[in-house]
PDB file of all heavy atoms in Angstrom:
ATOM      1  N   SER A   1      94.793 122.812  97.563  1.00  0.00           N
ATOM      2  CA  SER A   1      94.325 123.931  96.749  1.00  0.00           C
ATOM      3  C   SER A   1      95.407 124.374  95.787  1.00  0.00           C
ATOM      4  O   SER A   1      96.572 124.516  96.181  1.00  0.00           O
ATOM      5  CB  SER A   1      93.922 125.113  97.648  1.00  0.00           C
ATOM      6  OG  SER A   1      92.881 124.754  98.529  1.00  0.00           O
ATOM      7  N   MET A   2      95.029 124.596  94.553  1.00  0.00           N
ATOM      8  CA  MET A   2      95.972 125.115  93.557  1.00  0.00           C
ATOM      9  C   MET A   2      96.534 126.454  94.041  1.00  0.00           C
ATOM     10  O   MET A   2      95.817 127.275  94.616  1.00  0.00           O
ATOM     11  CB  MET A   2      95.257 125.315  92.226  1.00  0.00           C
ATOM     12  CG  MET A   2      94.962 124.029  91.486  1.00  0.00           C
ATOM     13  SD  MET A   2      96.411 123.395  90.623  1.00  0.00           S
ATOM     14  CE  MET A   2      96.516 124.565  89.280  1.00  0.00           C
ATOM     15  N   GLY A   3      97.826 126.643  93.799  1.00  0.00           N
ATOM     16  CA  GLY A   3      98.458 127.901  94.192  1.00  0.00           C
ATOM     17  C   GLY A   3      98.993 127.898  95.607  1.00  0.00           C
ATOM     18  O   GLY A   3      99.559 128.890  96.060  1.00  0.00           O
ATOM     19  N   ARG A   4      98.840 126.774  96.320  1.00  0.00           N
ATOM     20  CA  ARG A   4      99.328 126.669  97.697  1.00  0.00           C
ATOM     21  C   ARG A   4     100.059 125.354  97.878  1.00  0.00           C
ATOM     22  O   ARG A   4      99.539 124.294  97.534  1.00  0.00           O
ATOM     23  CB  ARG A   4      98.158 126.733  98.675  1.00  0.00           C
ATOM     24  CG  ARG A   4      98.572 126.677 100.145  1.00  0.00           C
ATOM     25  CD  ARG A   4      97.368 126.552 101.060  1.00  0.00           C
ATOM     26  NE  ARG A   4      96.735 125.245 100.945  1.00  0.00           N
ATOM     27  CZ  ARG A   4      95.546 124.938 101.474  1.00  0.00           C
ATOM     28  NH1 ARG A   4      94.865 125.859 102.118  1.00  0.00           N
ATOM     29  NH2 ARG A   4      95.041 123.728 101.328  1.00  0.00           N
ATOM     30  N   ALA A   5     101.287 125.437  98.379  1.00  0.00           N
ATOM     31  CA  ALA A   5     102.047 124.216  98.687  1.00  0.00           C
ATOM     32  C   ALA A   5     101.648 123.718 100.068  1.00  0.00           C
ATOM     33  O   ALA A   5     101.636 124.489 101.026  1.00  0.00           O
ATOM     34  CB  ALA A   5     103.547 124.502  98.646  1.00  0.00           C
ATOM     35  N   ASP A   6     101.305 122.444 100.154  1.00  0.00           N
ATOM     36  CA  ASP A   6     100.909 121.848 101.436  1.00  0.00           C
ATOM     37  C   ASP A   6     101.989 120.879 101.900  1.00  0.00           C
ATOM     38  O   ASP A   6     102.573 120.141 101.101  1.00  0.00           O
ATOM     39  CB  ASP A   6      99.582 121.100 101.304  1.00  0.00           C
ATOM     40  CG  ASP A   6      98.390 122.042 101.285  1.00  0.00           C
ATOM     41  OD1 ASP A   6      98.605 123.252 101.502  1.00  0.00           O
ATOM     42  OD2 ASP A   6      97.264 121.574 101.032  1.00  0.00           O
ATOM     43  N   TYR A   7     102.230 120.880 103.203  1.00  0.00           N
ATOM     44  CA  TYR A   7     103.217 119.971 103.801  1.00  0.00           C
ATOM     45  C   TYR A   7     102.494 119.092 104.811  1.00  0.00           C
ATOM     46  O   TYR A   7     101.939 119.586 105.799  1.00  0.00           O
ATOM     47  CB  TYR A   7     104.344 120.767 104.475  1.00  0.00           C
ATOM     48  CG  TYR A   7     105.174 121.531 103.475  1.00  0.00           C
ATOM     49  CD1 TYR A   7     104.780 122.794 103.033  1.00  0.00           C
ATOM     50  CD2 TYR A   7     106.327 120.984 102.947  1.00  0.00           C
ATOM     51  CE1 TYR A   7     105.533 123.490 102.101  1.00  0.00           C
ATOM     52  CE2 TYR A   7     107.085 121.669 102.008  1.00  0.00           C
ATOM     53  CZ  TYR A   7     106.682 122.926 101.590  1.00  0.00           C
ATOM     54  OH  TYR A   7     107.421 123.603 100.661  1.00  0.00           O
ATOM     55  N   ILE A   8     102.473 117.791 104.546  1.00  0.00           N
ATOM     56  CA  ILE A   8     101.696 116.843 105.333  1.00  0.00           C
ATOM     57  C   ILE A   8     102.635 115.937 106.126  1.00  0.00           C
ATOM     58  O   ILE A   8     103.528 115.299 105.549  1.00  0.00           O
ATOM     59  CB  ILE A   8     100.804 115.964 104.427  1.00  0.00           C
ATOM     60  CG1 ILE A   8     100.015 116.844 103.431  1.00  0.00           C
ATOM     61  CG2 ILE A   8      99.880 115.101 105.274  1.00  0.00           C
ATOM     62  CD1 ILE A   8      99.079 117.826 104.082  1.00  0.00           C
ATOM     63  N   ARG A   9     102.468 115.877 107.435  1.00  0.00           N
ATOM     64  CA  ARG A   9     103.281 114.980 108.265  1.00  0.00           C
ATOM     65  C   ARG A   9     102.846 113.536 108.046  1.00  0.00           C
ATOM     66  O   ARG A   9     101.647 113.247 107.991  1.00  0.00           O
ATOM     67  CB  ARG A   9     103.133 115.357 109.746  1.00  0.00           C
ATOM     68  CG  ARG A   9     103.658 116.752 110.047  1.00  0.00           C
ATOM     69  CD  ARG A   9     103.132 117.283 111.352  1.00  0.00           C
ATOM     70  NE  ARG A   9     103.385 118.722 111.441  1.00  0.00           N
ATOM     71  CZ  ARG A   9     102.754 119.542 112.261  1.00  0.00           C
ATOM     72  NH1 ARG A   9     101.837 119.078 113.080  1.00  0.00           N
ATOM     73  NH2 ARG A   9     103.043 120.821 112.288  1.00  0.00           N
ATOM     74  N   VAL A  10     103.829 112.652 107.922  1.00  0.00           N
ATOM     75  CA  VAL A  10     103.510 111.255 107.612  1.00  0.00           C
ATOM     76  C   VAL A  10     104.347 110.304 108.448  1.00  0.00           C
ATOM     77  O   VAL A  10     105.420 110.653 108.946  1.00  0.00           O
ATOM     78  CB  VAL A  10     103.741 110.935 106.114  1.00  0.00           C
ATOM     79  CG1 VAL A  10     102.785 111.705 105.233  1.00  0.00           C
ATOM     80  CG2 VAL A  10     105.191 111.195 105.720  1.00  0.00           C
ATOM     81  N   ARG A  11     103.813 109.094 108.592  1.00  0.00           N
ATOM     82  CA  ARG A  11     104.540 107.971 109.182  1.00  0.00           C
ATOM     83  C   ARG A  11     104.933 107.034 108.052  1.00  0.00           C
ATOM     84  O   ARG A  11     104.128 106.732 107.173  1.00  0.00           O
ATOM     85  CB  ARG A  11     103.646 107.225 110.178  1.00  0.00           C
ATOM     86  CG  ARG A  11     104.320 106.031 110.846  1.00  0.00           C
ATOM     87  CD  ARG A  11     103.364 105.333 111.811  1.00  0.00           C
ATOM     88  NE  ARG A  11     102.298 104.632 111.118  1.00  0.00           N
ATOM     89  CZ  ARG A  11     102.379 103.383 110.659  1.00  0.00           C
ATOM     90  NH1 ARG A  11     103.513 102.700 110.799  1.00  0.00           N
ATOM     91  NH2 ARG A  11     101.351 102.809 110.054  1.00  0.00           N
ATOM     92  N   LEU A  12     106.184 106.598 108.053  1.00  0.00           N
ATOM     93  CA  LEU A  12     106.670 105.686 107.022  1.00  0.00           C
ATOM     94  C   LEU A  12     106.580 104.237 107.496  1.00  0.00           C
ATOM     95  O   LEU A  12     106.878 103.941 108.646  1.00  0.00           O
ATOM     96  CB  LEU A  12     108.123 106.002 106.665  1.00  0.00           C
ATOM     97  CG  LEU A  12     108.389 107.336 105.961  1.00  0.00           C
ATOM     98  CD1 LEU A  12     109.883 107.573 105.859  1.00  0.00           C
ATOM     99  CD2 LEU A  12     107.738 107.362 104.587  1.00  0.00           C
ATOM    100  N   PHE A  13     106.167 103.360 106.600  1.00  0.00           N
ATOM    101  CA  PHE A  13     106.209 101.945 106.902  1.00  0.00           C
ATOM    102  C   PHE A  13     106.427 101.163 105.607  1.00  0.00           C
ATOM    103  O   PHE A  13     106.149 101.670 104.512  1.00  0.00           O
ATOM    104  CB  PHE A  13     104.943 101.470 107.620  1.00  0.00           C
ATOM    105  CG  PHE A  13     103.680 101.555 106.793  1.00  0.00           C
ATOM    106  CD1 PHE A  13     103.228 100.475 106.069  1.00  0.00           C
ATOM    107  CD2 PHE A  13     102.942 102.729 106.761  1.00  0.00           C
ATOM    108  CE1 PHE A  13     102.070 100.539 105.318  1.00  0.00           C
ATOM    109  CE2 PHE A  13     101.782 102.820 106.006  1.00  0.00           C
ATOM    110  CZ  PHE A  13     101.341 101.730 105.286  1.00  0.00           C
ATOM    111  N   GLU A  14     106.953  99.960 105.756  1.00  0.00           N
ATOM    112  CA  GLU A  14     107.258  99.120 104.599  1.00  0.00           C
ATOM    113  C   GLU A  14     106.184  98.048 104.437  1.00  0.00           C
ATOM    114  O   GLU A  14     105.799  97.391 105.396  1.00  0.00           O
ATOM    115  CB  GLU A  14     108.637  98.474 104.759  1.00  0.00           C
ATOM    116  CG  GLU A  14     109.197  97.894 103.476  1.00  0.00           C
ATOM    117  CD  GLU A  14     110.643  97.446 103.628  1.00  0.00           C
ATOM    118  OE1 GLU A  14     111.139  97.446 104.777  1.00  0.00           O
ATOM    119  OE2 GLU A  14     111.264  97.100 102.615  1.00  0.00           O
ATOM    120  N   LYS A  15     105.718  97.913 103.203  1.00  0.00           N
ATOM    121  CA  LYS A  15     104.689  96.911 102.907  1.00  0.00           C
ATOM    122  C   LYS A  15     104.990  96.298 101.548  1.00  0.00           C
ATOM    123  O   LYS A  15     105.079  97.019 100.551  1.00  0.00           O
ATOM    124  CB  LYS A  15     103.303  97.563 102.912  1.00  0.00           C
ATOM    125  CG  LYS A  15     102.149  96.620 102.567  1.00  0.00           C
ATOM    126  CD  LYS A  15     100.843  97.386 102.552  1.00  0.00           C
ATOM    127  CE  LYS A  15      99.680  96.502 102.139  1.00  0.00           C
ATOM    128  NZ  LYS A  15      98.401  97.255 102.073  1.00  0.00           N
ATOM    129  N   GLU A  16     105.180  94.978 101.525  1.00  0.00           N
ATOM    130  CA  GLU A  16     105.452  94.257 100.288  1.00  0.00           C
ATOM    131  C   GLU A  16     106.602  94.879  99.509  1.00  0.00           C
ATOM    132  O   GLU A  16     106.522  95.145  98.308  1.00  0.00           O
ATOM    133  CB  GLU A  16     104.186  94.179  99.421  1.00  0.00           C
ATOM    134  CG  GLU A  16     103.051  93.425 100.084  1.00  0.00           C
ATOM    135  CD  GLU A  16     101.772  93.414  99.261  1.00  0.00           C
ATOM    136  OE1 GLU A  16     101.720  94.138  98.248  1.00  0.00           O
ATOM    137  OE2 GLU A  16     100.834  92.698  99.660  1.00  0.00           O
ATOM    138  N   SER A  17     107.694  95.162 100.274  1.00  0.00           N
ATOM    139  CA  SER A  17     108.943  95.687  99.707  1.00  0.00           C
ATOM    140  C   SER A  17     108.809  97.084  99.117  1.00  0.00           C
ATOM    141  O   SER A  17     109.647  97.519  98.328  1.00  0.00           O
ATOM    142  CB  SER A  17     109.497  94.735  98.635  1.00  0.00           C
ATOM    143  OG  SER A  17     109.758  93.455  99.179  1.00  0.00           O
ATOM    144  N   GLU A  18     107.780  97.814  99.506  1.00  0.00           N
ATOM    145  CA  GLU A  18     107.624  99.199  99.076  1.00  0.00           C
ATOM    146  C   GLU A  18     107.389 100.083 100.287  1.00  0.00           C
ATOM    147  O   GLU A  18     106.814  99.646 101.300  1.00  0.00           O
ATOM    148  CB  GLU A  18     106.443  99.363  98.106  1.00  0.00           C
ATOM    149  CG  GLU A  18     106.673  98.775  96.741  1.00  0.00           C
ATOM    150  CD  GLU A  18     105.570  99.189  95.786  1.00  0.00           C
ATOM    151  OE1 GLU A  18     104.396  98.860  96.058  1.00  0.00           O
ATOM    152  OE2 GLU A  18     105.865  99.856  94.783  1.00  0.00           O
ATOM    153  N   TRP A  19     107.833 101.326 100.183  1.00  0.00           N
ATOM    154  CA  TRP A  19     107.608 102.275 101.269  1.00  0.00           C
ATOM    155  C   TRP A  19     106.287 103.010 101.061  1.00  0.00           C
ATOM    156  O   TRP A  19     105.949 103.422  99.945  1.00  0.00           O
ATOM    157  CB  TRP A  19     108.756 103.280 101.359  1.00  0.00           C
ATOM    158  CG  TRP A  19     109.985 102.660 101.938  1.00  0.00           C
ATOM    159  CD1 TRP A  19     111.066 102.174 101.285  1.00  0.00           C
ATOM    160  CD2 TRP A  19     110.231 102.439 103.338  1.00  0.00           C
ATOM    161  NE1 TRP A  19     111.985 101.640 102.165  1.00  0.00           N
ATOM    162  CE2 TRP A  19     111.496 101.796 103.429  1.00  0.00           C
ATOM    163  CE3 TRP A  19     109.522 102.716 104.498  1.00  0.00           C
ATOM    164  CZ2 TRP A  19     112.045 101.435 104.648  1.00  0.00           C
ATOM    165  CZ3 TRP A  19     110.069 102.346 105.709  1.00  0.00           C
ATOM    166  CH2 TRP A  19     111.320 101.721 105.776  1.00  0.00           C
ATOM    167  N   TRP A  20     105.557 103.134 102.154  1.00  0.00           N
ATOM    168  CA  TRP A  20     104.269 103.838 102.154  1.00  0.00           C
ATOM    169  C   TRP A  20     104.334 104.993 103.156  1.00  0.00           C
ATOM    170  O   TRP A  20     105.023 104.909 104.167  1.00  0.00           O
ATOM    171  CB  TRP A  20     103.136 102.887 102.535  1.00  0.00           C
ATOM    172  CG  TRP A  20     102.799 101.903 101.461  1.00  0.00           C
ATOM    173  CD1 TRP A  20     103.488 100.779 101.116  1.00  0.00           C
ATOM    174  CD2 TRP A  20     101.676 101.966 100.573  1.00  0.00           C
ATOM    175  NE1 TRP A  20     102.876 100.126 100.080  1.00  0.00           N
ATOM    176  CE2 TRP A  20     101.749 100.832  99.721  1.00  0.00           C
ATOM    177  CE3 TRP A  20     100.623 102.861 100.408  1.00  0.00           C
ATOM    178  CZ2 TRP A  20     100.811 100.591  98.726  1.00  0.00           C
ATOM    179  CZ3 TRP A  20      99.677 102.607  99.417  1.00  0.00           C
ATOM    180  CH2 TRP A  20      99.776 101.491  98.590  1.00  0.00           C
ATOM    181  N   ALA A  21     103.599 106.028 102.846  1.00  0.00           N
ATOM    182  CA  ALA A  21     103.520 107.196 103.729  1.00  0.00           C
ATOM    183  C   ALA A  21     102.081 107.352 104.198  1.00  0.00           C
ATOM    184  O   ALA A  21     101.170 107.533 103.385  1.00  0.00           O
ATOM    185  CB  ALA A  21     103.977 108.459 102.995  1.00  0.00           C
ATOM    186  N   GLU A  22     101.894 107.238 105.506  1.00  0.00           N
ATOM    187  CA  GLU A  22     100.556 107.361 106.094  1.00  0.00           C
ATOM    188  C   GLU A  22     100.409 108.738 106.740  1.00  0.00           C
ATOM    189  O   GLU A  22     101.134 109.063 107.686  1.00  0.00           O
ATOM    190  CB  GLU A  22     100.341 106.284 107.154  1.00  0.00           C
ATOM    191  CG  GLU A  22      98.974 106.369 107.828  1.00  0.00           C
ATOM    192  CD  GLU A  22      98.831 105.347 108.937  1.00  0.00           C
ATOM    193  OE1 GLU A  22      99.880 104.936 109.494  1.00  0.00           O
ATOM    194  OE2 GLU A  22      97.697 104.986 109.262  1.00  0.00           O
ATOM    195  N   PRO A  23      99.509 109.571 106.236  1.00  0.00           N
ATOM    196  CA  PRO A  23      99.339 110.909 106.834  1.00  0.00           C
ATOM    197  C   PRO A  23      98.954 110.807 108.307  1.00  0.00           C
ATOM    198  O   PRO A  23      98.163 109.942 108.701  1.00  0.00           O
ATOM    199  CB  PRO A  23      98.195 111.516 106.008  1.00  0.00           C
ATOM    200  CG  PRO A  23      98.226 110.771 104.710  1.00  0.00           C
ATOM    201  CD  PRO A  23      98.646 109.371 105.064  1.00  0.00           C
ATOM    202  N   ILE A  24      99.552 111.661 109.112  1.00  0.00           N
ATOM    203  CA  ILE A  24      99.226 111.730 110.536  1.00  0.00           C
ATOM    204  C   ILE A  24      98.169 112.810 110.700  1.00  0.00           C
ATOM    205  O   ILE A  24      98.450 114.002 110.543  1.00  0.00           O
ATOM    206  CB  ILE A  24     100.464 112.027 111.378  1.00  0.00           C
ATOM    207  CG1 ILE A  24     101.454 110.863 111.262  1.00  0.00           C
ATOM    208  CG2 ILE A  24     100.095 112.268 112.840  1.00  0.00           C
ATOM    209  CD1 ILE A  24     102.754 111.086 111.967  1.00  0.00           C
ATOM    210  N   ILE A  25      96.971 112.375 110.965  1.00  0.00           N
ATOM    211  CA  ILE A  25      95.844 113.296 111.050  1.00  0.00           C
ATOM    212  C   ILE A  25      95.751 113.852 112.461  1.00  0.00           C
ATOM    213  O   ILE A  25      95.797 113.113 113.445  1.00  0.00           O
ATOM    214  CB  ILE A  25      94.525 112.598 110.672  1.00  0.00           C
ATOM    215  CG1 ILE A  25      94.656 111.946 109.285  1.00  0.00           C
ATOM    216  CG2 ILE A  25      93.381 113.589 110.705  1.00  0.00           C
ATOM    217  CD1 ILE A  25      95.018 112.917 108.184  1.00  0.00           C
ATOM    218  N   GLY A  26      95.659 115.137 112.563  1.00  0.00           N
ATOM    219  CA  GLY A  26      95.535 115.778 113.869  1.00  0.00           C
ATOM    220  C   GLY A  26      95.459 117.272 113.710  1.00  0.00           C
ATOM    221  O   GLY A  26      95.838 117.833 112.674  1.00  0.00           O
ATOM    222  N   LYS A  27      94.951 117.922 114.716  1.00  0.00           N
ATOM    223  CA  LYS A  27      94.838 119.380 114.661  1.00  0.00           C
ATOM    224  C   LYS A  27      96.220 120.021 114.659  1.00  0.00           C
ATOM    225  O   LYS A  27      97.165 119.494 115.233  1.00  0.00           O
ATOM    226  CB  LYS A  27      94.007 119.865 115.843  1.00  0.00           C
ATOM    227  CG  LYS A  27      92.577 119.335 115.790  1.00  0.00           C
ATOM    228  CD  LYS A  27      91.831 119.550 117.086  1.00  0.00           C
ATOM    229  CE  LYS A  27      90.438 118.930 117.024  1.00  0.00           C
ATOM    230  NZ  LYS A  27      89.742 118.962 118.316  1.00  0.00           N
ATOM    231  N   SER A  28      96.309 121.167 114.009  1.00  0.00           N
ATOM    232  CA  SER A  28      97.619 121.780 113.790  1.00  0.00           C
ATOM    233  C   SER A  28      98.326 122.136 115.081  1.00  0.00           C
ATOM    234  O   SER A  28      99.545 122.246 115.110  1.00  0.00           O
ATOM    235  CB  SER A  28      97.464 123.044 112.934  1.00  0.00           C
ATOM    236  OG  SER A  28      96.635 123.990 113.582  1.00  0.00           O
ATOM    237  N   GLY A  29      97.589 122.292 116.171  1.00  0.00           N
ATOM    238  CA  GLY A  29      98.218 122.676 117.428  1.00  0.00           C
ATOM    239  C   GLY A  29      98.801 121.525 118.226  1.00  0.00           C
ATOM    240  O   GLY A  29      99.370 121.738 119.295  1.00  0.00           O
ATOM    241  N   LEU A  30      98.672 120.278 117.728  1.00  0.00           N
ATOM    242  CA  LEU A  30      99.123 119.131 118.500  1.00  0.00           C
ATOM    243  C   LEU A  30     100.617 118.885 118.310  1.00  0.00           C
ATOM    244  O   LEU A  30     101.079 118.667 117.190  1.00  0.00           O
ATOM    245  CB  LEU A  30      98.343 117.874 118.103  1.00  0.00           C
ATOM    246  CG  LEU A  30      96.822 117.919 118.302  1.00  0.00           C
ATOM    247  CD1 LEU A  30      96.210 116.575 117.926  1.00  0.00           C
ATOM    248  CD2 LEU A  30      96.476 118.292 119.733  1.00  0.00           C
ATOM    249  N   ILE A  31     101.365 118.912 119.398  1.00  0.00           N
ATOM    250  CA  ILE A  31     102.811 118.670 119.341  1.00  0.00           C
ATOM    251  C   ILE A  31     103.103 117.238 118.917  1.00  0.00           C
ATOM    252  O   ILE A  31     104.059 116.972 118.198  1.00  0.00           O
ATOM    253  CB  ILE A  31     103.442 118.950 120.721  1.00  0.00           C
ATOM    254  CG1 ILE A  31     103.238 120.407 121.113  1.00  0.00           C
ATOM    255  CG2 ILE A  31     104.931 118.618 120.735  1.00  0.00           C
ATOM    256  CD1 ILE A  31     103.589 120.702 122.550  1.00  0.00           C
ATOM    257  N   THR A  32     102.278 116.304 119.354  1.00  0.00           N
ATOM    258  CA  THR A  32     102.577 114.893 119.120  1.00  0.00           C
ATOM    259  C   THR A  32     102.492 114.493 117.653  1.00  0.00           C
ATOM    260  O   THR A  32     103.023 113.457 117.272  1.00  0.00           O
ATOM    261  CB  THR A  32     101.629 114.008 119.949  1.00  0.00           C
ATOM    262  OG1 THR A  32     100.293 114.516 119.846  1.00  0.00           O
ATOM    263  CG2 THR A  32     102.063 113.978 121.390  1.00  0.00           C
TER     264      THR A  32
END
């Protein structure tokens, strides 16, 4: 949403010599 900064947890992995960020989808209350 415009006007709001969002911080998304991600997992990093390398693919074809480039780094990719995969969002970790889960409810906000999950520690894992």
